[in-house]
């Protein structure tokens, strides 16, 4: 329903969550776009999802619907989100339990190219280009810098 409710082609759904409350479930839809997403676009998605829920389950269904963009602390989950963050630093948690930090240089169809920061005790950090398939990334967050 959320995917079908997108008002523009450059928008995409990042996440949909439904609470398990039987009385009044909360539906959270996170959407984003290649150029970001506006409040008006979120409102449009909300109206469209509400209409689809009413059509599917009836007007009397009780629920709370929240439509917003993912916050800066929300992990990257879609290739489009990675593309919007080219040039920024990422912190990655990998399938094997290790972590990688580095600058996102490029996004390909199968993964990302990262200039990884290699820290060694007592030495200056070095940087090494690495290719990382999406399937090896468990979690990816943008590193916020206030410099």
Protein backbone atom coordinates (compact mmCIF):
# COMPACT_ATOMS: atom_id res chain seq x y z
CA UNK A 1 0.00 0.00 0.00
CA UNK A 2 2.79 2.42 0.89
CA UNK A 3 4.71 1.71 -2.31
CA UNK A 4 1.56 2.28 -4.40
CA UNK A 5 0.94 5.58 -2.57
CA UNK A 6 4.10 7.37 -3.69
CA UNK A 7 3.17 10.62 -5.47
CA UNK A 8 6.39 10.91 -7.53
CA UNK A 9 8.66 8.40 -9.30
CA UNK A 10 11.85 9.59 -7.55
CA UNK A 11 10.45 8.70 -4.11
CA UNK A 12 10.92 5.31 -2.46
CA UNK A 13 9.88 3.49 0.70
CA UNK A 14 12.68 2.98 3.22
CA UNK A 15 10.75 1.11 5.91
CA UNK A 16 7.24 0.21 7.06
CA UNK A 17 6.55 -0.88 10.62
CA UNK A 18 3.26 -1.86 12.25
CA UNK A 19 2.98 -2.13 16.03
CA UNK A 20 1.33 -5.26 17.39
CA UNK A 21 -1.26 -3.36 19.44
CA UNK A 22 -4.66 -4.95 18.83
CA UNK A 23 -6.55 -1.89 20.09
CA UNK A 24 -5.01 0.82 17.93
CA UNK A 25 -1.96 -0.22 15.90
CA UNK A 26 0.59 2.37 14.87
CA UNK A 27 1.73 2.26 11.25
CA UNK A 28 5.02 4.01 10.56
CA UNK A 29 6.04 4.64 6.95
CA UNK A 30 9.50 6.03 6.23
CA UNK A 31 9.92 7.42 2.73
CA UNK A 32 12.73 9.27 1.00
CA UNK A 33 13.65 10.58 -2.42
CA UNK A 34 16.65 11.08 -4.62
CA UNK A 35 16.49 14.78 -3.72
CA UNK A 36 15.04 14.21 -0.25
CA UNK A 37 11.34 14.39 0.63
CA UNK A 38 9.12 17.33 1.57
CA UNK A 39 6.43 17.62 4.22
CA UNK A 40 3.85 18.00 1.44
CA UNK A 41 5.00 14.73 -0.13
CA UNK A 42 4.74 12.98 3.26
CA UNK A 43 1.23 14.38 3.68
CA UNK A 44 0.28 13.14 0.20
CA UNK A 45 1.55 9.64 1.01
CA UNK A 46 -0.36 9.72 4.30
CA UNK A 47 -3.65 10.67 2.59
CA UNK A 48 -3.16 7.96 -0.05
CA UNK A 49 -2.31 5.24 2.50
CA UNK A 50 -5.32 6.28 4.63
CA UNK A 51 -7.58 5.95 1.59
CA UNK A 52 -6.17 2.51 0.74
CA UNK A 53 -6.61 1.28 4.34
CA UNK A 54 -10.21 2.56 4.39
CA UNK A 55 -10.87 0.85 1.05
CA UNK A 56 -9.32 -2.44 2.17
CA UNK A 57 -10.43 -2.63 5.82
CA UNK A 58 -13.32 -0.17 6.11
CA UNK A 59 -13.69 3.34 7.49
CA UNK A 60 -14.19 2.19 11.08
CA UNK A 61 -10.71 0.65 11.48
CA UNK A 62 -8.80 2.42 14.26
CA UNK A 63 -5.06 3.04 13.79
CA UNK A 64 -2.39 5.73 13.97
CA UNK A 65 -0.47 6.49 10.75
CA UNK A 66 2.85 8.30 10.78
CA UNK A 67 4.65 9.14 7.53
CA UNK A 68 8.07 10.79 7.65
CA UNK A 69 11.58 10.71 6.29
CA UNK A 70 14.21 8.58 8.01
CA UNK A 71 16.29 10.59 10.44
CA UNK A 72 19.99 11.07 9.96
CA UNK A 73 20.57 8.35 12.57
CA UNK A 74 18.44 5.79 10.69
CA UNK A 75 20.58 3.14 8.94
CA UNK A 76 20.89 3.19 5.16
CA UNK A 77 18.85 0.33 3.73
CA UNK A 78 18.22 1.18 0.07
CA UNK A 79 20.77 1.69 -2.74
CA UNK A 80 19.15 5.09 -3.44
CA UNK A 81 20.04 6.19 0.10
CA UNK A 82 23.68 5.26 -0.45
CA UNK A 83 23.71 7.32 -3.67
CA UNK A 84 22.47 10.40 -1.80
CA UNK A 85 25.38 10.04 0.63
CA UNK A 86 28.31 9.77 -1.80
CA UNK A 87 31.18 11.79 -0.38
CA UNK A 88 30.11 11.29 3.24
CA UNK A 89 31.71 9.04 5.84
CA UNK A 90 29.94 5.80 6.71
CA UNK A 91 30.29 3.35 9.57
CA UNK A 92 29.49 -0.20 8.46
CA UNK A 93 28.80 -3.31 10.49
CA UNK A 94 29.71 -6.35 8.40
CA UNK A 95 28.28 -9.89 8.28
CA UNK A 96 31.46 -11.25 9.90
CA UNK A 97 31.01 -8.91 12.90
CA UNK A 98 33.76 -6.47 11.94
CA UNK A 99 33.27 -2.75 11.43
CA UNK A 100 34.54 -0.55 8.63
CA UNK A 101 34.64 3.23 8.50
CA UNK A 102 35.40 5.31 5.46
CA UNK A 103 34.30 7.71 2.78
CA UNK A 104 31.63 6.51 0.35
CA UNK A 105 33.09 7.04 -3.12
CA UNK A 106 30.69 5.20 -5.46
CA UNK A 107 27.56 3.07 -5.51
CA UNK A 108 27.32 0.23 -8.02
CA UNK A 109 24.45 -2.15 -8.76
CA UNK A 110 25.94 -4.77 -6.43
CA UNK A 111 27.57 -2.72 -3.67
CA UNK A 112 29.66 0.27 -2.70
CA UNK A 113 33.19 1.53 -3.15
CA UNK A 114 34.60 2.93 0.08
CA UNK A 115 37.89 4.59 0.95
CA UNK A 116 38.37 2.71 4.21
CA UNK A 117 40.16 4.31 7.12
CA UNK A 118 42.75 1.91 8.56
CA UNK A 119 43.87 2.81 12.09
CA UNK A 120 46.99 1.29 13.61
CA UNK A 121 48.07 1.95 17.16
CA UNK A 122 50.75 4.63 17.35
CA UNK A 123 50.62 5.36 13.62
CA UNK A 124 48.80 7.83 11.43
CA UNK A 125 45.62 6.48 9.83
CA UNK A 126 45.94 5.24 6.25
CA UNK A 127 43.23 4.98 3.60
CA UNK A 128 42.57 2.05 1.31
CA UNK A 129 39.92 1.65 -1.44
CA UNK A 130 37.63 -1.36 -0.92
CA UNK A 131 34.61 -2.76 -2.75
CA UNK A 132 31.86 -4.04 -0.50
CA UNK A 133 28.83 -6.02 -1.76
CA UNK A 134 25.47 -4.97 -0.27
CA UNK A 135 25.00 -8.55 0.98
CA UNK A 136 28.00 -8.23 3.34
CA UNK A 137 26.63 -5.08 5.03
CA UNK A 138 24.48 -5.69 8.11
CA UNK A 139 24.10 -2.03 9.05
CA UNK A 140 25.31 1.23 7.50
CA UNK A 141 25.10 4.63 9.17
CA UNK A 142 26.25 8.05 8.07
CA UNK A 143 28.92 9.40 10.43
CA UNK A 144 27.84 12.85 11.54
CA UNK A 145 30.68 15.34 11.80
CA UNK A 146 30.43 18.81 13.30
CA UNK A 147 33.86 19.94 12.08
